[in-house]
Amino acid sequence: MTTRSPFDAAARRLRALAHPVRLRILARLAEGECCASEATTCAGISQPNASQHLRALREAGYIAGQRQGTRICYRIADARTADFVKNLLKG
């Protein structure tokens, strides 16, 4: 039987941050909600690549998405994440 510790969960969440594109997306979302197409533009990547990064951030619990017609708009799920990213990028 495998027991997952809080350290394992924290390490999984931190791995989701360990990519420059994901940090760029989070930095953009720290400014306010945006749709997937805008995340593609701000990160300078293709739509399929953006989808993969958005999925990783969503699965880690950093962002939440809401469908608006044919688009999905994302926001940071927890204000602490926005603060963390802003502070991380200051240094």
PDB file of N, CA and C in Angstrom:
ATOM      1  N   MET A   1       0.847  -1.171   0.000  1.00  0.00           N
ATOM      2  CA  MET A   1       0.000   0.000   0.000  1.00  0.00           C
ATOM      3  C   MET A   1       0.900   1.244   0.000  1.00  0.00           C
ATOM      4  N   THR A   2       0.596   2.186  -0.891  1.00  0.00           N
ATOM      5  CA  THR A   2       1.368   3.410  -1.000  1.00  0.00           C
ATOM      6  C   THR A   2       0.627   4.535  -0.304  1.00  0.00           C
ATOM      7  N   THR A   3       1.313   5.205   0.593  1.00  0.00           N
ATOM      8  CA  THR A   3       0.738   6.337   1.296  1.00  0.00           C
ATOM      9  C   THR A   3       1.395   7.601   0.765  1.00  0.00           C
ATOM     10  N   ARG A   4       0.564   8.545   0.376  1.00  0.00           N
ATOM     11  CA  ARG A   4       1.092   9.816  -0.126  1.00  0.00           C
ATOM     12  C   ARG A   4       1.106  10.816   1.013  1.00  0.00           C
ATOM     13  N   SER A   5       2.245  11.398   1.222  1.00  0.00           N
ATOM     14  CA  SER A   5       2.387  12.378   2.287  1.00  0.00           C
ATOM     15  C   SER A   5       2.063  13.769   1.761  1.00  0.00           C
ATOM     16  N   PRO A   6       1.880  14.717   2.672  1.00  0.00           N
ATOM     17  CA  PRO A   6       1.684  16.102   2.226  1.00  0.00           C
ATOM     18  C   PRO A   6       2.885  16.606   1.424  1.00  0.00           C
ATOM     19  N   PHE A   7       4.059  16.037   1.691  1.00  0.00           N
ATOM     20  CA  PHE A   7       5.252  16.423   0.956  1.00  0.00           C
ATOM     21  C   PHE A   7       5.172  15.974  -0.501  1.00  0.00           C
ATOM     22  N   ASP A   8       4.620  14.788  -0.723  1.00  0.00           N
ATOM     23  CA  ASP A   8       4.436  14.300  -2.091  1.00  0.00           C
ATOM     24  C   ASP A   8       3.475  15.209  -2.856  1.00  0.00           C
ATOM     25  N   ALA A   9       2.386  15.586  -2.211  1.00  0.00           N
ATOM     26  CA  ALA A   9       1.404  16.456  -2.853  1.00  0.00           C
ATOM     27  C   ALA A   9       2.011  17.827  -3.162  1.00  0.00           C
ATOM     28  N   ALA A  10       2.776  18.359  -2.220  1.00  0.00           N
ATOM     29  CA  ALA A  10       3.413  19.660  -2.438  1.00  0.00           C
ATOM     30  C   ALA A  10       4.421  19.580  -3.579  1.00  0.00           C
ATOM     31  N   ALA A  11       5.179  18.502  -3.650  1.00  0.00           N
ATOM     32  CA  ALA A  11       6.163  18.332  -4.718  1.00  0.00           C
ATOM     33  C   ALA A  11       5.467  18.254  -6.076  1.00  0.00           C
ATOM     34  N   ARG A  12       4.333  17.567  -6.161  1.00  0.00           N
ATOM     35  CA  ARG A  12       3.575  17.495  -7.414  1.00  0.00           C
ATOM     36  C   ARG A  12       3.106  18.882  -7.841  1.00  0.00           C
ATOM     37  N   ARG A  13       2.609  19.654  -6.881  1.00  0.00           N
ATOM     38  CA  ARG A  13       2.140  21.009  -7.210  1.00  0.00           C
ATOM     39  C   ARG A  13       3.294  21.897  -7.644  1.00  0.00           C
ATOM     40  N   LEU A  14       4.437  21.777  -7.004  1.00  0.00           N
ATOM     41  CA  LEU A  14       5.593  22.588  -7.384  1.00  0.00           C
ATOM     42  C   LEU A  14       6.123  22.205  -8.765  1.00  0.00           C
ATOM     43  N   ARG A  15       6.054  20.918  -9.108  1.00  0.00           N
ATOM     44  CA  ARG A  15       6.493  20.496 -10.443  1.00  0.00           C
ATOM     45  C   ARG A  15       5.652  21.172 -11.522  1.00  0.00           C
ATOM     46  N   ALA A  16       4.382  21.416 -11.233  1.00  0.00           N
ATOM     47  CA  ALA A  16       3.523  22.093 -12.209  1.00  0.00           C
ATOM     48  C   ALA A  16       3.992  23.524 -12.461  1.00  0.00           C
ATOM     49  N   LEU A  17       4.685  24.123 -11.510  1.00  0.00           N
ATOM     50  CA  LEU A  17       5.205  25.479 -11.670  1.00  0.00           C
ATOM     51  C   LEU A  17       6.563  25.506 -12.355  1.00  0.00           C
ATOM     52  N   ALA A  18       7.198  24.368 -12.454  1.00  0.00           N
ATOM     53  CA  ALA A  18       8.590  24.307 -12.893  1.00  0.00           C
ATOM     54  C   ALA A  18       8.739  24.362 -14.408  1.00  0.00           C
ATOM     55  N   HIS A  19       8.024  25.276 -15.038  1.00  0.00           N
ATOM     56  CA  HIS A  19       8.155  25.476 -16.477  1.00  0.00           C
ATOM     57  C   HIS A  19       7.934  26.947 -16.775  1.00  0.00           C
ATOM     58  N   PRO A  20       8.827  27.567 -17.544  1.00  0.00           N
ATOM     59  CA  PRO A  20       8.704  29.006 -17.804  1.00  0.00           C
ATOM     60  C   PRO A  20       7.382  29.400 -18.455  1.00  0.00           C
ATOM     61  N   VAL A  21       6.855  28.557 -19.328  1.00  0.00           N
ATOM     62  CA  VAL A  21       5.581  28.884 -19.987  1.00  0.00           C
ATOM     63  C   VAL A  21       4.456  28.915 -18.968  1.00  0.00           C
ATOM     64  N   ARG A  22       4.449  27.975 -18.047  1.00  0.00           N
ATOM     65  CA  ARG A  22       3.383  27.953 -17.030  1.00  0.00           C
ATOM     66  C   ARG A  22       3.484  29.168 -16.123  1.00  0.00           C
ATOM     67  N   LEU A  23       4.699  29.547 -15.778  1.00  0.00           N
ATOM     68  CA  LEU A  23       4.867  30.760 -14.966  1.00  0.00           C
ATOM     69  C   LEU A  23       4.405  31.999 -15.729  1.00  0.00           C
ATOM     70  N   ARG A  24       4.688  32.039 -17.022  1.00  0.00           N
ATOM     71  CA  ARG A  24       4.249  33.169 -17.841  1.00  0.00           C
ATOM     72  C   ARG A  24       2.712  33.230 -17.881  1.00  0.00           C
ATOM     73  N   ILE A  25       2.078  32.084 -18.032  1.00  0.00           N
ATOM     74  CA  ILE A  25       0.613  32.033 -18.034  1.00  0.00           C
ATOM     75  C   ILE A  25       0.069  32.480 -16.687  1.00  0.00           C
ATOM     76  N   LEU A  26       0.653  31.990 -15.605  1.00  0.00           N
ATOM     77  CA  LEU A  26       0.193  32.392 -14.270  1.00  0.00           C
ATOM     78  C   LEU A  26       0.403  33.877 -14.026  1.00  0.00           C
ATOM     79  N   ALA A  27       1.517  34.415 -14.514  1.00  0.00           N
ATOM     80  CA  ALA A  27       1.760  35.854 -14.358  1.00  0.00           C
ATOM     81  C   ALA A  27       0.685  36.645 -15.081  1.00  0.00           C
ATOM     82  N   ARG A  28       0.298  36.188 -16.262  1.00  0.00           N
ATOM     83  CA  ARG A  28      -0.773  36.869 -16.999  1.00  0.00           C
ATOM     84  C   ARG A  28      -2.098  36.755 -16.241  1.00  0.00           C
ATOM     85  N   LEU A  29      -2.393  35.570 -15.720  1.00  0.00           N
ATOM     86  CA  LEU A  29      -3.640  35.360 -14.985  1.00  0.00           C
ATOM     87  C   LEU A  29      -3.659  36.125 -13.665  1.00  0.00           C
ATOM     88  N   ALA A  30      -2.500  36.429 -13.118  1.00  0.00           N
ATOM     89  CA  ALA A  30      -2.438  37.225 -11.886  1.00  0.00           C
ATOM     90  C   ALA A  30      -2.974  38.635 -12.133  1.00  0.00           C
ATOM     91  N   GLU A  31      -2.952  39.066 -13.398  1.00  0.00           N
ATOM     92  CA  GLU A  31      -3.495  40.376 -13.769  1.00  0.00           C
ATOM     93  C   GLU A  31      -5.009  40.335 -13.949  1.00  0.00           C
ATOM     94  N   GLY A  32      -5.558  39.146 -14.155  1.00  0.00           N
ATOM     95  CA  GLY A  32      -7.001  38.999 -14.341  1.00  0.00           C
ATOM     96  C   GLY A  32      -7.314  37.842 -15.272  1.00  0.00           C
ATOM     97  N   GLU A  33      -8.579  37.495 -15.320  1.00  0.00           N
ATOM     98  CA  GLU A  33      -9.047  36.376 -16.137  1.00  0.00           C
ATOM     99  C   GLU A  33      -8.697  36.579 -17.604  1.00  0.00           C
ATOM    100  N   CYS A  34      -8.392  35.472 -18.280  1.00  0.00           N
ATOM    101  CA  CYS A  34      -8.191  35.531 -19.731  1.00  0.00           C
ATOM    102  C   CYS A  34      -8.618  34.204 -20.343  1.00  0.00           C
ATOM    103  N   CYS A  35      -8.913  34.250 -21.617  1.00  0.00           N
ATOM    104  CA  CYS A  35      -9.329  33.049 -22.335  1.00  0.00           C
ATOM    105  C   CYS A  35      -8.107  32.310 -22.866  1.00  0.00           C
ATOM    106  N   ALA A  36      -8.315  31.067 -23.224  1.00  0.00           N
ATOM    107  CA  ALA A  36      -7.219  30.211 -23.665  1.00  0.00           C
ATOM    108  C   ALA A  36      -6.473  30.822 -24.843  1.00  0.00           C
ATOM    109  N   SER A  37      -7.182  31.461 -25.755  1.00  0.00           N
ATOM    110  CA  SER A  37      -6.516  32.050 -26.921  1.00  0.00           C
ATOM    111  C   SER A  37      -5.559  33.164 -26.508  1.00  0.00           C
ATOM    112  N   GLU A  38      -5.912  33.917 -25.485  1.00  0.00           N
ATOM    113  CA  GLU A  38      -5.023  34.976 -24.994  1.00  0.00           C
ATOM    114  C   GLU A  38      -3.809  34.377 -24.287  1.00  0.00           C
ATOM    115  N   ALA A  39      -4.012  33.285 -23.581  1.00  0.00           N
ATOM    116  CA  ALA A  39      -2.881  32.608 -22.929  1.00  0.00           C
ATOM    117  C   ALA A  39      -1.907  32.110 -23.989  1.00  0.00           C
ATOM    118  N   THR A  40      -2.430  31.653 -25.116  1.00  0.00           N
ATOM    119  CA  THR A  40      -1.588  31.209 -26.224  1.00  0.00           C
ATOM    120  C   THR A  40      -0.735  32.362 -26.733  1.00  0.00           C
ATOM    121  N   THR A  41      -1.367  33.512 -26.905  1.00  0.00           N
ATOM    122  CA  THR A  41      -0.670  34.692 -27.415  1.00  0.00           C
ATOM    123  C   THR A  41       0.371  35.203 -26.430  1.00  0.00           C
ATOM    124  N   CYS A  42      -0.005  35.344 -25.156  1.00  0.00           N
ATOM    125  CA  CYS A  42       0.936  35.912 -24.177  1.00  0.00           C
ATOM    126  C   CYS A  42       2.132  34.998 -23.945  1.00  0.00           C
ATOM    127  N   ALA A  43       1.939  33.693 -24.096  1.00  0.00           N
ATOM    128  CA  ALA A  43       3.044  32.760 -23.883  1.00  0.00           C
ATOM    129  C   ALA A  43       3.833  32.521 -25.170  1.00  0.00           C
ATOM    130  N   GLY A  44       3.292  32.949 -26.313  1.00  0.00           N
ATOM    131  CA  GLY A  44       3.985  32.768 -27.577  1.00  0.00           C
ATOM    132  C   GLY A  44       4.117  31.316 -27.996  1.00  0.00           C
ATOM    133  N   ILE A  45       3.058  30.539 -27.763  1.00  0.00           N
ATOM    134  CA  ILE A  45       3.092  29.108 -28.070  1.00  0.00           C
ATOM    135  C   ILE A  45       1.859  28.723 -28.883  1.00  0.00           C
ATOM    136  N   SER A  46       1.869  27.511 -29.411  1.00  0.00           N
ATOM    137  CA  SER A  46       0.741  27.018 -30.196  1.00  0.00           C
ATOM    138  C   SER A  46      -0.440  26.682 -29.292  1.00  0.00           C
ATOM    139  N   GLN A  47      -1.610  26.604 -29.884  1.00  0.00           N
ATOM    140  CA  GLN A  47      -2.826  26.286 -29.117  1.00  0.00           C
ATOM    141  C   GLN A  47      -2.738  24.911 -28.455  1.00  0.00           C
ATOM    142  N   PRO A  48      -2.289  23.857 -29.162  1.00  0.00           N
ATOM    143  CA  PRO A  48      -2.183  22.557 -28.485  1.00  0.00           C
ATOM    144  C   PRO A  48      -1.207  22.584 -27.300  1.00  0.00           C
ATOM    145  N   ASN A  49      -0.098  23.295 -27.471  1.00  0.00           N
ATOM    146  CA  ASN A  49       0.880  23.402 -26.395  1.00  0.00           C
ATOM    147  C   ASN A  49       0.283  24.161 -25.207  1.00  0.00           C
ATOM    148  N   ALA A  50      -0.422  25.255 -25.498  1.00  0.00           N
ATOM    149  CA  ALA A  50      -1.080  26.020 -24.429  1.00  0.00           C
ATOM    150  C   ALA A  50      -2.081  25.155 -23.689  1.00  0.00           C
ATOM    151  N   SER A  51      -2.831  24.347 -24.414  1.00  0.00           N
ATOM    152  CA  SER A  51      -3.819  23.467 -23.779  1.00  0.00           C
ATOM    153  C   SER A  51      -3.167  22.510 -22.800  1.00  0.00           C
ATOM    154  N   GLN A  52      -2.011  21.978 -23.182  1.00  0.00           N
ATOM    155  CA  GLN A  52      -1.296  21.062 -22.282  1.00  0.00           C
ATOM    156  C   GLN A  52      -0.855  21.776 -21.015  1.00  0.00           C
ATOM    157  N   HIS A  53      -0.326  22.984 -21.152  1.00  0.00           N
ATOM    158  CA  HIS A  53       0.130  23.735 -19.980  1.00  0.00           C
ATOM    159  C   HIS A  53      -1.055  24.162 -19.110  1.00  0.00           C
ATOM    160  N   LEU A  54      -2.128  24.594 -19.724  1.00  0.00           N
ATOM    161  CA  LEU A  54      -3.321  24.972 -18.962  1.00  0.00           C
ATOM    162  C   LEU A  54      -3.884  23.763 -18.210  1.00  0.00           C
ATOM    163  N   ARG A  55      -3.862  22.605 -18.849  1.00  0.00           N
ATOM    164  CA  ARG A  55      -4.350  21.390 -18.182  1.00  0.00           C
ATOM    165  C   ARG A  55      -3.487  21.066 -16.966  1.00  0.00           C
ATOM    166  N   ALA A  56      -2.167  21.168 -17.111  1.00  0.00           N
ATOM    167  CA  ALA A  56      -1.257  20.883 -15.986  1.00  0.00           C
ATOM    168  C   ALA A  56      -1.532  21.836 -14.822  1.00  0.00           C
ATOM    169  N   LEU A  57      -1.739  23.110 -15.131  1.00  0.00           N
ATOM    170  CA  LEU A  57      -2.030  24.093 -14.077  1.00  0.00           C
ATOM    171  C   LEU A  57      -3.385  23.839 -13.436  1.00  0.00           C
ATOM    172  N   ARG A  58      -4.357  23.453 -14.247  1.00  0.00           N
ATOM    173  CA  ARG A  58      -5.699  23.163 -13.723  1.00  0.00           C
ATOM    174  C   ARG A  58      -5.672  21.919 -12.833  1.00  0.00           C
ATOM    175  N   GLU A  59      -4.997  20.869 -13.291  1.00  0.00           N
ATOM    176  CA  GLU A  59      -4.920  19.626 -12.510  1.00  0.00           C
ATOM    177  C   GLU A  59      -4.174  19.824 -11.195  1.00  0.00           C
ATOM    178  N   ALA A  60      -3.225  20.750 -11.176  1.00  0.00           N
ATOM    179  CA  ALA A  60      -2.484  21.040  -9.946  1.00  0.00           C
ATOM    180  C   ALA A  60      -3.285  21.938  -9.006  1.00  0.00           C
ATOM    181  N   GLY A  61      -4.405  22.470  -9.491  1.00  0.00           N
ATOM    182  CA  GLY A  61      -5.265  23.293  -8.649  1.00  0.00           C
ATOM    183  C   GLY A  61      -4.933  24.777  -8.670  1.00  0.00           C
ATOM    184  N   TYR A  62      -4.038  25.197  -9.571  1.00  0.00           N
ATOM    185  CA  TYR A  62      -3.648  26.605  -9.623  1.00  0.00           C
ATOM    186  C   TYR A  62      -4.665  27.479 -10.348  1.00  0.00           C
ATOM    187  N   ILE A  63      -5.332  26.912 -11.347  1.00  0.00           N
ATOM    188  CA  ILE A  63      -6.285  27.703 -12.121  1.00  0.00           C
ATOM    189  C   ILE A  63      -7.615  26.977 -12.239  1.00  0.00           C
ATOM    190  N   ALA A  64      -8.630  27.735 -12.582  1.00  0.00           N
ATOM    191  CA  ALA A  64      -9.956  27.179 -12.840  1.00  0.00           C
ATOM    192  C   ALA A  64     -10.447  27.769 -14.146  1.00  0.00           C
ATOM    193  N   GLY A  65     -11.181  26.980 -14.907  1.00  0.00           N
ATOM    194  CA  GLY A  65     -11.697  27.444 -16.189  1.00  0.00           C
ATOM    195  C   GLY A  65     -13.209  27.413 -16.205  1.00  0.00           C
ATOM    196  N   GLN A  66     -13.763  28.313 -16.995  1.00  0.00           N
ATOM    197  CA  GLN A  66     -15.211  28.367 -17.147  1.00  0.00           C
ATOM    198  C   GLN A  66     -15.520  28.581 -18.623  1.00  0.00           C
ATOM    199  N   ARG A  67     -16.395  27.744 -19.147  1.00  0.00           N
ATOM    200  CA  ARG A  67     -16.766  27.845 -20.551  1.00  0.00           C
ATOM    201  C   ARG A  67     -17.684  29.044 -20.734  1.00  0.00           C
ATOM    202  N   GLN A  68     -17.359  29.846 -21.756  1.00  0.00           N
ATOM    203  CA  GLN A  68     -18.180  30.994 -22.132  1.00  0.00           C
ATOM    204  C   GLN A  68     -18.423  30.877 -23.628  1.00  0.00           C
ATOM    205  N   GLY A  69     -19.527  30.242 -23.979  1.00  0.00           N
ATOM    206  CA  GLY A  69     -19.806  29.960 -25.386  1.00  0.00           C
ATOM    207  C   GLY A  69     -18.824  28.922 -25.893  1.00  0.00           C
ATOM    208  N   THR A  70     -18.074  29.292 -26.916  1.00  0.00           N
ATOM    209  CA  THR A  70     -17.101  28.352 -27.487  1.00  0.00           C
ATOM    210  C   THR A  70     -15.721  28.506 -26.858  1.00  0.00           C
ATOM    211  N   ARG A  71     -15.557  29.466 -25.973  1.00  0.00           N
ATOM    212  CA  ARG A  71     -14.258  29.733 -25.359  1.00  0.00           C
ATOM    213  C   ARG A  71     -14.232  29.245 -23.915  1.00  0.00           C
ATOM    214  N   ILE A  72     -13.037  28.975 -23.432  1.00  0.00           N
ATOM    215  CA  ILE A  72     -12.845  28.676 -22.014  1.00  0.00           C
ATOM    216  C   ILE A  72     -11.972  29.778 -21.450  1.00  0.00           C
ATOM    217  N   CYS A  73     -12.479  30.432 -20.423  1.00  0.00           N
ATOM    218  CA  CYS A  73     -11.723  31.504 -19.776  1.00  0.00           C
ATOM    219  C   CYS A  73     -11.201  30.990 -18.444  1.00  0.00           C
ATOM    220  N   TYR A  74      -9.978  31.375 -18.143  1.00  0.00           N
ATOM    221  CA  TYR A  74      -9.290  30.885 -16.953  1.00  0.00           C
ATOM    222  C   TYR A  74      -9.035  32.018 -15.970  1.00  0.00           C
ATOM    223  N   ARG A  75      -8.944  31.624 -14.708  1.00  0.00           N
ATOM    224  CA  ARG A  75      -8.592  32.553 -13.638  1.00  0.00           C
ATOM    225  C   ARG A  75      -7.762  31.767 -12.631  1.00  0.00           C
ATOM    226  N   ILE A  76      -7.020  32.491 -11.824  1.00  0.00           N
ATOM    227  CA  ILE A  76      -6.275  31.837 -10.750  1.00  0.00           C
ATOM    228  C   ILE A  76      -7.275  31.408  -9.685  1.00  0.00           C
ATOM    229  N   ALA A  77      -7.167  30.171  -9.246  1.00  0.00           N
ATOM    230  CA  ALA A  77      -8.148  29.594  -8.345  1.00  0.00           C
ATOM    231  C   ALA A  77      -8.044  30.107  -6.911  1.00  0.00           C
ATOM    232  N   ASP A  78      -6.867  30.590  -6.521  1.00  0.00           N
ATOM    233  CA  ASP A  78      -6.638  31.009  -5.148  1.00  0.00           C
ATOM    234  C   ASP A  78      -5.752  32.247  -5.153  1.00  0.00           C
ATOM    235  N   ALA A  79      -6.147  33.283  -4.464  1.00  0.00           N
ATOM    236  CA  ALA A  79      -5.384  34.543  -4.445  1.00  0.00           C
ATOM    237  C   ALA A  79      -3.955  34.332  -3.951  1.00  0.00           C
ATOM    238  N   ARG A  80      -3.741  33.334  -3.116  1.00  0.00           N
ATOM    239  CA  ARG A  80      -2.379  33.067  -2.632  1.00  0.00           C
ATOM    240  C   ARG A  80      -1.450  32.684  -3.777  1.00  0.00           C
ATOM    241  N   THR A  81      -2.000  32.022  -4.799  1.00  0.00           N
ATOM    242  CA  THR A  81      -1.195  31.653  -5.958  1.00  0.00           C
ATOM    243  C   THR A  81      -0.734  32.899  -6.697  1.00  0.00           C
ATOM    244  N   ALA A  82      -1.628  33.863  -6.889  1.00  0.00           N
ATOM    245  CA  ALA A  82      -1.263  35.113  -7.570  1.00  0.00           C
ATOM    246  C   ALA A  82      -0.169  35.830  -6.784  1.00  0.00           C
ATOM    247  N   ASP A  83      -0.325  35.894  -5.478  1.00  0.00           N
ATOM    248  CA  ASP A  83       0.694  36.545  -4.637  1.00  0.00           C
ATOM    249  C   ASP A  83       2.026  35.814  -4.729  1.00  0.00           C
ATOM    250  N   PHE A  84       1.977  34.488  -4.695  1.00  0.00           N
ATOM    251  CA  PHE A  84       3.193  33.679  -4.775  1.00  0.00           C
ATOM    252  C   PHE A  84       3.930  33.942  -6.087  1.00  0.00           C
ATOM    253  N   VAL A  85       3.207  33.928  -7.199  1.00  0.00           N
ATOM    254  CA  VAL A  85       3.824  34.141  -8.515  1.00  0.00           C
ATOM    255  C   VAL A  85       4.406  35.547  -8.607  1.00  0.00           C
ATOM    256  N   LYS A  86       3.661  36.541  -8.155  1.00  0.00           N
ATOM    257  CA  LYS A  86       4.169  37.914  -8.194  1.00  0.00           C
ATOM    258  C   LYS A  86       5.455  38.045  -7.389  1.00  0.00           C
ATOM    259  N   ASN A  87       5.474  37.463  -6.196  1.00  0.00           N
ATOM    260  CA  ASN A  87       6.678  37.518  -5.351  1.00  0.00           C
ATOM    261  C   ASN A  87       7.833  36.734  -5.949  1.00  0.00           C
ATOM    262  N   LEU A  88       7.534  35.613  -6.538  1.00  0.00           N
ATOM    263  CA  LEU A  88       8.563  34.779  -7.170  1.00  0.00           C
ATOM    264  C   LEU A  88       9.236  35.533  -8.318  1.00  0.00           C
ATOM    265  N   LEU A  89       8.458  36.265  -9.090  1.00  0.00           N
ATOM    266  CA  LEU A  89       8.996  36.976 -10.241  1.00  0.00           C
ATOM    267  C   LEU A  89       9.685  38.295  -9.871  1.00  0.00           C
ATOM    268  N   LYS A  90       9.452  38.779  -8.662  1.00  0.00           N
ATOM    269  CA  LYS A  90      10.149  39.991  -8.205  1.00  0.00           C
ATOM    270  C   LYS A  90      11.636  39.747  -8.010  1.00  0.00           C
ATOM    271  N   GLY A  91      11.954  38.569  -7.461  1.00  0.00           N
ATOM    272  CA  GLY A  91      13.321  38.257  -7.059  1.00  0.00           C
ATOM    273  C   GLY A  91      14.229  38.062  -8.186  1.00  0.00           C
TER     274      GLY A  91
END
